[in-house]
């Protein structure tokens, strides 16, 4: 058979093979065999797990809200923003409430007689409040008799008192801090303490009208006649600063016991402070030569005013965080707000004579 005669027959066979009906296609194999559908159903019981007990927190009863916005300084102590400042000490009472002296019990105040001036600051605190070391040092006194420097004298007006000689000094001079009127001491002589360590507890021993801490800064000697205003030595709280002033008459003499009002620009409260009284135990700062200090002032603008010759005079000052703001007033010259000039040497060496030129 030739190829021409075979091609028509092959075409017919192919068309016949492809021409089938859909109904003639065999059904697909089921996924589940029919006999499996007739098997009995197996019962299933879910295991119910109880919900876990919620977490139980035992929270302490919250304490009373602090009544001041005092917060410890952010910067390390000792601290000094200028070469002549000296915020060397921390607060001797933890500050979760008002704990700084009222106007009549600041440094240089006069009470218990016209010739008795206050050589420290009094911090009113409840009986038994912990007293903290204001800086690291060695205990050099612990007991009765500190004011009169007579060990064991139970008539001493400072009562139970502690004195600390600090590990650092000022201008190559030894520094001391004093803590008086304790109810109980927590240290002994020669013991070394660190900043913030509990050295005793607030009481009312000695000459007091109620429980408080009497705090002093002394240098270079541990003596009643070598005290300085502690408010220039204790680091201010966060965002707060210190005001210092020097008020003199036309003869450049310090005016004593003058009442000075310090009023914030945008607040109703007015602070009152008095210039230092007369007494050999009160000493102005070597740099500021002040007779007035008001510590713990929130930063801001303040009006300072007082009466001079029956006329009220005033000026405006700005308090900066962690700094001392300084002003002076002299009758005829008025106010200045500049810092004192830098201290100078008490003497200058004489110029050496010129070296003689050798003759040829």
Foldseek 3Di string as FASTA:
>chain_A
DDPVVVVVVVVVVVVVVVDDDPVVDDDDDDPDDVVVVPDDDDDDDDDDDDDDDDDDDDDDDDDDQQPDPFAAAPDDAPDDPDPQFTQHWAAQADDSYQWWAAQQFFFQHDDPDQADGHQFGKTDDDWFGFTWGGFKFFKADFAPDLQVVDPPPQQAQQGTKIKGFHPDPDPPATKMKIKGQFPFADDDGGDIDGGGDGGGTWHHRHDDPTTIITMWMAIRDSHLLGTEGCLRHHFEGFQWAKEFEFEAEQVRHGDFFFWKWKAFPPDDDIGIHGFHHDYSSYAYRPFQRTRTMDGHGHWHKIKIWGDDPNDIDIDIWTGGHRYYFYKYQYPVVGIDGDGGDDDDDPDDDDDDDDDDDDDD
